[in-house]
Amino acid sequence: MSTATTPIRIGYCLSLTGPVAGNTQSARLAHRIWQQDVNRRGGLLGRPVELICYDDQADASKVADLYRHLIDEDKVDLVIGGYGTNSLLPAMPLIMERQRFFVGLQGLGVNTTLGYPNYFAMIPTGPDPSAALTEGFFALASEQQPRPTTVALLSADAVFSRNPILGAKDNAAKYGFQIVHEATYPLSTTDFSPVIEAIARSECDLLFLCSYLEDSMGLVRALRAHTFRPKMVGAAMIGPQNTAIKTTLGPLLNGVVNYDYWAPVPTMKFPGVHVFLANYQAQAAEAGVDLLGHYTAPLAYAQLQVLTQAVEATGSLDDAKLAAYARQATFNTVMGNITFGANGEWSAPRVLQVQFQGITGNELGQFQDGSRQVVVSPPDLRSGPLRYPYVDALS
């Protein structure tokens, strides 16, 4: 029997080690800050909140067993999704079998084919996630003069890149770009010079990259070391959103146009986001995580704001009641107002394309505001103009 002193236990797993650890550790701190905030206000339903998080070690085969342990052995009251498609997809069969309310963090198109009604996506890619991630990149390119006409697609050979590449092909067709080169590379790749050389031979106008954190750095360095200069480059790289990669690459990032979900620009000063980030940044160095937290942290905090508001509105921990509420509610979060639509995706997309401009040196402070990270898409959130072509934005 639960009492006012019995904690509400929320269980999940994150890839705290492995290739996306930088993002997941940032999410973990955001979750802890949410826990601090909620417990400071008296908890949920008058009970303190406890988070139980296991490391799935970026191994998809471990995910289902970890959630089974959380549900059957730890007997958590609620579960939430981990970070990214690679961790969310393998959890779904068990979550569906147990009919759990499940808010996943930054998984692209996780529920597109499953259609599970109790899944909700904390990623601003909207009803057509695969296309929305990079549509802004192609739309921008189509507006330039002289108009570019060709594109090369390069992606990591991994689950996370499959949906973005499908979306890129749809966008290329929609905006009239001919695909002149398509290739994948193994995640074990460390030398990207031959990869860039093969792309250069295609003489593509646009270079679409879908890569993980370390790969993104290798690709940017290899491109800058080569004489080839596409008209636009970027779109779907995981990595340039992270503070450590920004400060490591520094001016090498200039000119890159890439997706993001939040940026420190006036158009994205949603209620509570700066208070949250100030709290996050005060703890980040000691926690050993991304020092600014602009990428994953706001979404991770919003993930639990959705859970909070659903629990408080229903006065319940019942999964069916929480899901029913989430399907029709508007949630007020540090990522702005969120409503969910088909397949638990956001009702409307809010994906940014950000161009790096005017970076000098490797100093952290230049990334605190939006002066070096200019939102160039979508138009309603734009903070400055695109510098085109790529070669004109290199310094």
Protein backbone atom coordinates (compact mmCIF):
# COMPACT_ATOMS: atom_id res chain seq x y z
CA MET A 1 0.00 0.00 0.00
CA SER A 2 1.35 3.44 -1.01
CA THR A 3 1.54 6.21 1.55
CA ALA A 4 2.55 9.88 1.38
CA THR A 5 6.11 8.88 2.22
CA THR A 6 6.34 6.05 -0.33
CA PRO A 7 8.22 7.41 -3.35
CA ILE A 8 6.81 7.31 -6.84
CA ARG A 9 9.44 5.37 -8.76
CA ILE A 10 10.10 6.17 -12.41
CA GLY A 11 12.29 3.75 -14.35
CA TYR A 12 14.15 3.94 -17.63
CA CYS A 13 17.45 3.21 -19.31
CA LEU A 14 19.94 5.47 -21.08
CA SER A 15 23.05 4.74 -23.14
CA LEU A 16 25.29 6.35 -20.51
CA THR A 17 28.31 4.70 -22.12
CA GLY A 18 28.97 4.32 -25.83
CA PRO A 19 28.85 6.67 -28.82
CA VAL A 20 25.97 8.90 -27.64
CA ALA A 21 27.04 9.14 -23.99
CA GLY A 22 27.59 12.89 -24.28
CA ASN A 23 23.91 13.42 -25.05
CA THR A 24 22.54 10.86 -22.61
CA GLN A 25 24.59 12.15 -19.69
CA SER A 26 23.22 15.62 -20.41
CA ALA A 27 19.72 14.13 -20.36
CA ARG A 28 20.47 12.42 -17.05
CA LEU A 29 21.39 15.72 -15.41
CA ALA A 30 18.23 17.34 -16.79
CA HIS A 31 16.19 14.50 -15.28
CA ARG A 32 17.90 14.97 -11.92
CA ILE A 33 17.14 18.69 -12.00
CA TRP A 34 13.49 17.88 -12.70
CA GLN A 35 13.55 15.49 -9.73
CA GLN A 36 15.04 18.22 -7.52
CA ASP A 37 12.44 20.74 -8.70
CA VAL A 38 9.48 18.40 -8.24
CA ASN A 39 10.54 17.16 -4.82
CA ARG A 40 11.20 20.74 -3.70
CA ARG A 41 7.57 21.48 -4.54
CA GLY A 42 6.31 18.47 -2.56
CA GLY A 43 6.61 15.67 -5.10
CA LEU A 44 3.90 14.17 -7.29
CA LEU A 45 0.49 13.45 -5.77
CA GLY A 46 2.04 14.43 -2.44
CA ARG A 47 4.74 11.74 -2.71
CA PRO A 48 8.49 12.15 -3.31
CA VAL A 49 9.83 11.05 -6.69
CA GLU A 50 12.67 8.59 -7.23
CA LEU A 51 14.37 7.95 -10.58
CA ILE A 52 15.85 4.54 -11.38
CA CYS A 53 18.09 4.63 -14.44
CA TYR A 54 20.13 1.78 -15.92
CA ASP A 55 22.89 2.02 -18.52
CA ASP A 56 22.03 0.00 -21.63
CA GLN A 57 25.63 0.55 -22.83
CA ALA A 58 24.33 1.48 -26.31
CA ASP A 59 23.51 -2.21 -26.78
CA ALA A 60 20.02 -2.62 -28.21
CA SER A 61 19.92 -6.26 -27.11
CA LYS A 62 20.02 -5.20 -23.43
CA VAL A 63 17.13 -2.74 -23.56
CA ALA A 64 14.11 -5.05 -23.31
CA ASP A 65 15.58 -7.00 -20.39
CA LEU A 66 16.35 -3.78 -18.52
CA TYR A 67 12.77 -2.57 -18.88
CA ARG A 68 11.49 -6.02 -17.90
CA HIS A 69 13.63 -5.79 -14.75
CA LEU A 70 12.33 -2.29 -14.00
CA ILE A 71 8.71 -3.39 -14.36
CA ASP A 72 8.82 -6.89 -12.84
CA GLU A 73 11.65 -6.73 -10.29
CA ASP A 74 11.95 -3.07 -9.33
CA LYS A 75 8.18 -2.66 -9.71
CA VAL A 76 8.46 0.97 -10.80
CA ASP A 77 5.26 2.98 -10.91
CA LEU A 78 6.00 4.57 -14.28
CA VAL A 79 8.47 4.15 -17.13
CA ILE A 80 9.84 6.66 -19.60
CA GLY A 81 11.80 6.12 -22.79
CA GLY A 82 15.53 6.37 -23.16
CA TYR A 83 17.43 8.50 -25.66
CA GLY A 84 17.32 7.93 -29.40
CA THR A 85 15.89 5.44 -31.84
CA ASN A 86 18.50 2.79 -31.01
CA SER A 87 17.28 2.57 -27.39
CA LEU A 88 13.59 3.26 -27.91
CA LEU A 89 12.74 0.79 -30.67
CA PRO A 90 13.90 -2.34 -28.80
CA ALA A 91 11.86 -1.30 -25.76
CA MET A 92 8.62 -0.98 -27.69
CA PRO A 93 7.47 -4.63 -27.91
CA LEU A 94 7.54 -5.00 -24.11
CA ILE A 95 6.02 -1.56 -23.54
CA MET A 96 3.20 -2.44 -25.94
CA GLU A 97 2.66 -5.84 -24.33
CA ARG A 98 2.38 -4.22 -20.87
CA GLN A 99 0.35 -1.25 -22.18
CA ARG A 100 2.57 1.33 -20.51
CA PHE A 101 2.44 5.11 -20.93
CA PHE A 102 5.75 5.89 -22.62
CA VAL A 103 7.33 9.25 -23.46
CA GLY A 104 10.47 8.68 -25.53
CA LEU A 105 13.37 11.11 -25.88
CA GLN A 106 14.64 12.12 -29.32
CA GLY A 107 13.73 8.97 -31.21
CA LEU A 108 13.02 9.59 -34.89
CA GLY A 109 9.91 7.91 -36.26
CA VAL A 110 9.90 5.25 -33.54
CA ASN A 111 6.13 4.73 -33.69
CA THR A 112 5.54 5.26 -37.41
CA THR A 113 4.93 1.60 -38.24
CA LEU A 114 3.97 0.40 -34.74
CA GLY A 115 1.12 2.84 -34.16
CA TYR A 116 1.12 2.27 -30.39
CA PRO A 117 -1.45 4.70 -28.92
CA ASN A 118 0.33 5.18 -25.57
CA TYR A 119 3.65 6.37 -27.05
CA PHE A 120 4.57 10.06 -27.12
CA ALA A 121 7.65 11.53 -28.78
CA MET A 122 9.75 14.21 -27.14
CA ILE A 123 11.28 15.37 -30.40
CA PRO A 124 9.95 18.30 -32.46
CA THR A 125 9.80 16.49 -35.80
CA GLY A 126 6.02 16.41 -36.10
CA PRO A 127 3.73 14.12 -38.12
CA ASP A 128 6.36 13.24 -40.77
CA PRO A 129 9.49 12.90 -38.63
CA SER A 130 11.93 11.52 -41.19
CA ALA A 131 11.27 14.34 -43.66
CA ALA A 132 10.89 17.12 -41.07
CA LEU A 133 14.37 16.58 -39.65
CA THR A 134 15.99 18.01 -42.77
CA GLU A 135 13.27 19.61 -44.89
CA GLY A 136 14.54 23.05 -43.90
CA PHE A 137 17.95 22.23 -45.39
CA PHE A 138 16.47 21.34 -48.78
CA ALA A 139 13.93 24.18 -48.72
CA LEU A 140 16.71 26.70 -48.06
CA ALA A 141 18.86 25.26 -50.82
CA SER A 142 15.99 25.51 -53.30
CA GLU A 143 15.73 29.27 -52.64
CA GLN A 144 19.37 30.06 -53.49
CA GLN A 145 20.61 31.67 -56.70
CA PRO A 146 22.03 30.27 -58.84
CA ARG A 147 19.91 27.33 -57.77
CA PRO A 148 21.82 24.16 -56.78
CA THR A 149 20.60 21.01 -58.53
CA THR A 150 22.43 17.95 -57.16
CA VAL A 151 22.96 16.29 -53.79
CA ALA A 152 25.19 13.58 -52.32
CA LEU A 153 23.89 11.51 -49.38
CA LEU A 154 26.35 10.09 -46.85
CA SER A 155 25.29 8.25 -43.70
CA ALA A 156 26.59 5.99 -40.98
CA ASP A 157 25.68 2.34 -41.38
CA ALA A 158 23.46 2.32 -38.28
CA VAL A 159 19.80 2.15 -37.29
CA PHE A 160 19.61 5.83 -36.37
CA SER A 161 20.46 6.98 -39.91
CA ARG A 162 17.88 4.96 -41.82
CA ASN A 163 14.90 7.24 -41.27
CA PRO A 164 16.82 10.49 -41.96
CA ILE A 165 18.06 9.07 -45.26
CA LEU A 166 14.52 8.09 -46.25
CA GLY A 167 13.44 11.61 -45.39
CA ALA A 168 16.34 13.10 -47.34
CA LYS A 169 15.33 11.17 -50.45
CA ASP A 170 11.75 12.38 -50.11
CA ASN A 171 12.94 15.96 -49.65
CA ALA A 172 15.33 15.74 -52.59
CA ALA A 173 12.45 14.64 -54.80
CA LYS A 174 10.07 17.27 -53.37
CA TYR A 175 12.49 20.13 -53.99
CA GLY A 176 13.86 18.86 -57.29
CA PHE A 177 17.40 17.76 -56.43
CA GLN A 178 19.10 14.92 -58.28
CA ILE A 179 20.94 12.40 -56.08
CA VAL A 180 24.34 11.94 -57.73
CA HIS A 181 26.09 9.97 -54.97
CA GLU A 182 24.88 7.81 -52.08
CA ALA A 183 27.14 5.96 -49.65
CA THR A 184 27.34 4.61 -46.12
CA TYR A 185 30.36 4.16 -43.89
CA PRO A 186 30.93 1.75 -40.98
CA LEU A 187 30.79 3.25 -37.48
CA SER A 188 34.36 2.02 -37.00
CA THR A 189 35.64 4.47 -39.64
CA THR A 190 38.35 6.84 -38.44
CA ASP A 191 39.84 8.09 -41.73
CA PHE A 192 37.22 10.00 -43.72
CA SER A 193 39.57 11.30 -46.43
CA PRO A 194 38.64 8.54 -48.93
CA VAL A 195 34.95 9.11 -48.15
CA ILE A 196 35.21 12.83 -48.95
CA GLU A 197 37.33 12.11 -52.04
CA ALA A 198 34.60 9.86 -53.43
CA ILE A 199 31.99 12.55 -52.78
CA ALA A 200 34.16 15.21 -54.41
CA ARG A 201 34.27 13.19 -57.62
CA SER A 202 30.47 13.50 -57.82
CA GLU A 203 30.78 17.32 -57.89
CA CYS A 204 27.54 17.55 -55.91
CA ASP A 205 26.07 20.94 -55.04
CA LEU A 206 24.68 19.82 -51.66
CA LEU A 207 26.40 17.44 -49.24
CA PHE A 208 23.94 15.74 -46.89
CA LEU A 209 25.63 14.14 -43.86
CA CYS A 210 23.99 11.85 -41.31
CA SER A 211 26.65 10.98 -38.75
CA TYR A 212 27.37 10.28 -35.09
CA LEU A 213 29.40 12.53 -32.79
CA GLU A 214 32.97 11.38 -33.47
CA ASP A 215 32.18 10.75 -37.14
CA SER A 216 30.84 14.29 -37.51
CA MET A 217 34.16 15.70 -36.33
CA GLY A 218 36.08 13.42 -38.68
CA LEU A 219 33.90 14.39 -41.64
CA VAL A 220 34.17 18.14 -41.00
CA ARG A 221 37.95 17.90 -40.68
CA ALA A 222 38.27 15.77 -43.81
CA LEU A 223 36.09 18.15 -45.82
CA ARG A 224 38.03 21.23 -44.72
CA ALA A 225 41.31 19.48 -45.57
CA HIS A 226 40.05 18.77 -49.10
CA THR A 227 39.78 21.33 -51.91
CA PHE A 228 36.18 20.34 -52.68
CA ARG A 229 33.58 22.91 -51.61
CA PRO A 230 29.91 21.99 -52.01
CA LYS A 231 27.41 24.86 -52.00
CA MET A 232 25.82 23.66 -48.73
CA VAL A 233 26.90 20.99 -46.27
CA GLY A 234 25.41 19.38 -43.15
CA ALA A 235 21.70 18.72 -42.50
CA ALA A 236 21.57 15.65 -40.22
CA MET A 237 24.81 15.42 -38.24
CA ILE A 238 24.63 14.42 -34.59
CA GLY A 239 27.46 16.25 -32.86
CA PRO A 240 27.60 19.93 -33.83
CA GLN A 241 24.82 20.56 -31.29
CA ASN A 242 27.19 19.51 -28.48
CA THR A 243 29.31 22.08 -26.68
CA ALA A 244 32.46 19.93 -26.58
CA ILE A 245 32.32 19.39 -30.33
CA LYS A 246 31.67 23.08 -30.97
CA THR A 247 34.70 24.09 -28.93
CA THR A 248 36.87 21.30 -30.35
CA LEU A 249 36.12 22.10 -34.00
CA GLY A 250 35.84 25.85 -33.52
CA PRO A 251 36.16 27.73 -36.85
CA LEU A 252 36.07 24.46 -38.81
CA LEU A 253 32.30 24.51 -38.22
CA ASN A 254 31.81 27.82 -40.01
CA GLY A 255 29.40 27.47 -42.91
CA VAL A 256 27.91 24.15 -41.81
CA VAL A 257 24.09 24.12 -41.85
CA ASN A 258 22.66 21.48 -39.54
CA TYR A 259 19.53 20.51 -37.64
CA ASP A 260 18.94 21.46 -34.04
CA TYR A 261 15.96 21.55 -31.69
CA TRP A 262 16.65 24.60 -29.54
CA ALA A 263 18.97 27.58 -29.87
CA PRO A 264 19.72 30.55 -27.60
CA VAL A 265 17.96 33.04 -29.88
CA PRO A 266 15.16 35.52 -29.05
CA THR A 267 12.53 33.50 -30.92
CA MET A 268 13.03 30.52 -28.59
CA LYS A 269 12.90 32.15 -25.16
CA PHE A 270 10.13 29.86 -23.96
CA PRO A 271 8.91 30.32 -20.36
CA GLY A 272 11.24 28.62 -17.91
CA VAL A 273 13.95 27.56 -20.35
CA HIS A 274 16.57 30.06 -19.22
CA VAL A 275 15.94 29.36 -15.53
CA PHE A 276 16.32 25.65 -16.26
CA LEU A 277 19.50 26.14 -18.28
CA ALA A 278 21.03 28.38 -15.63
CA ASN A 279 20.42 25.62 -13.08
CA TYR A 280 21.79 23.01 -15.49
CA GLN A 281 24.92 25.01 -16.31
CA ALA A 282 25.63 25.61 -12.62
CA GLN A 283 25.82 21.82 -12.13
CA ALA A 284 27.25 20.72 -15.49
CA ALA A 285 30.98 21.01 -14.79
CA GLU A 286 30.80 19.00 -11.57
CA ALA A 287 28.59 16.42 -13.28
CA GLY A 288 31.05 16.15 -16.17
CA VAL A 289 28.42 16.74 -18.85
CA ASP A 290 27.84 19.12 -21.77
CA LEU A 291 28.58 22.54 -20.28
CA LEU A 292 25.81 24.49 -22.02
CA GLY A 293 23.12 21.82 -22.41
CA HIS A 294 21.39 23.46 -25.37
CA TYR A 295 20.62 20.25 -27.29
CA THR A 296 19.30 17.32 -25.28
CA ALA A 297 18.74 18.88 -21.86
CA PRO A 298 15.67 21.05 -22.61
CA LEU A 299 13.91 18.14 -24.31
CA ALA A 300 14.81 15.78 -21.46
CA TYR A 301 13.39 18.22 -18.92
CA ALA A 302 10.27 18.69 -21.07
CA GLN A 303 9.90 14.90 -21.27
CA LEU A 304 9.32 14.79 -17.53
CA GLN A 305 7.24 17.97 -17.55
CA VAL A 306 4.80 16.09 -19.78
CA LEU A 307 4.71 13.23 -17.29
CA THR A 308 4.29 15.66 -14.37
CA GLN A 309 1.38 17.49 -15.94
CA ALA A 310 -0.35 14.27 -16.97
CA VAL A 311 -0.06 12.81 -13.46
CA GLU A 312 -1.23 16.01 -11.77
CA ALA A 313 -4.13 16.54 -14.17
CA THR A 314 -5.44 12.99 -13.80
CA GLY A 315 -4.50 12.54 -10.16
CA SER A 316 -3.38 9.08 -11.20
CA LEU A 317 -0.48 6.79 -12.07
CA ASP A 318 -2.70 4.66 -14.30
CA ASP A 319 -1.02 4.26 -17.69
CA ALA A 320 -4.27 4.30 -19.68
CA LYS A 321 -5.49 7.47 -17.98
CA LEU A 322 -2.16 9.22 -18.48
CA ALA A 323 -2.07 8.31 -22.17
CA ALA A 324 -5.67 9.38 -22.72
CA TYR A 325 -4.89 12.75 -21.16
CA ALA A 326 -1.69 13.20 -23.19
CA ARG A 327 -3.54 12.61 -26.44
CA GLN A 328 -5.75 15.67 -25.94
CA ALA A 329 -3.79 18.04 -23.69
CA THR A 330 -1.55 21.03 -24.33
CA PHE A 331 1.64 20.81 -22.27
CA ASN A 332 3.46 23.93 -21.12
CA THR A 333 7.18 23.12 -21.17
CA VAL A 334 10.63 24.67 -21.47
CA MET A 335 10.35 23.75 -25.16
CA GLY A 336 7.19 25.81 -25.51
CA ASN A 337 3.63 24.53 -25.78
CA ILE A 338 3.42 20.95 -27.03
CA THR A 339 0.46 18.96 -28.32
CA PHE A 340 0.67 15.42 -29.62
CA GLY A 341 -0.93 14.11 -32.79
CA ALA A 342 -0.76 10.97 -34.93
CA ASN A 343 1.52 8.22 -33.59
CA GLY A 344 2.31 10.37 -30.56
CA GLU A 345 4.42 12.80 -32.59
CA TRP A 346 4.22 16.56 -32.08
CA SER A 347 1.19 17.97 -33.87
CA ALA A 348 3.44 20.34 -35.83
CA PRO A 349 7.20 20.19 -36.48
CA ARG A 350 9.60 22.70 -34.96
CA VAL A 351 12.98 21.54 -36.29
CA LEU A 352 15.67 24.17 -36.79
CA GLN A 353 18.40 24.42 -39.36
CA VAL A 354 21.26 26.37 -37.79
CA GLN A 355 24.29 27.76 -39.63
CA PHE A 356 27.57 28.28 -37.81
CA GLN A 357 28.91 31.74 -38.61
CA GLY A 358 31.85 33.84 -37.49
CA ILE A 359 33.39 31.35 -35.04
CA THR A 360 36.88 32.43 -33.99
CA GLY A 361 39.06 30.19 -31.87
CA ASN A 362 37.73 27.55 -29.51
CA GLU A 363 36.42 29.61 -26.62
CA LEU A 364 33.22 28.41 -24.94
CA GLY A 365 31.62 31.80 -24.34
CA GLN A 366 30.95 32.54 -28.01
CA PHE A 367 28.37 29.74 -28.03
CA GLN A 368 26.38 31.05 -25.06
CA ASP A 369 24.16 33.19 -27.28
CA GLY A 370 22.94 32.94 -30.85
CA SER A 371 25.64 35.08 -32.47
CA ARG A 372 27.61 32.09 -33.78
CA GLN A 373 24.64 29.75 -34.27
CA VAL A 374 22.20 31.49 -36.58
CA VAL A 375 18.76 29.94 -37.03
CA VAL A 376 18.19 30.05 -40.80
CA SER A 377 15.06 27.84 -40.88
CA PRO A 378 12.09 27.76 -40.31
CA PRO A 379 11.16 31.33 -41.29
CA ASP A 380 9.09 32.01 -38.16
CA LEU A 381 12.06 31.23 -35.89
CA ARG A 382 14.83 32.64 -38.13
CA SER A 383 17.41 34.76 -36.32
CA GLY A 384 19.56 35.76 -39.30
CA PRO A 385 20.31 35.17 -43.00
CA LEU A 386 21.99 32.14 -44.56
CA ARG A 387 25.52 32.73 -45.81
CA TYR A 388 25.66 31.02 -49.19
CA PRO A 389 27.55 29.34 -50.72
CA TYR A 390 29.48 27.38 -48.09
CA VAL A 391 32.83 28.82 -49.18
CA ASP A 392 31.63 32.35 -48.34
CA ALA A 393 30.94 31.39 -44.72
CA LEU A 394 34.27 29.72 -43.93
CA SER A 395 35.68 32.68 -42.03
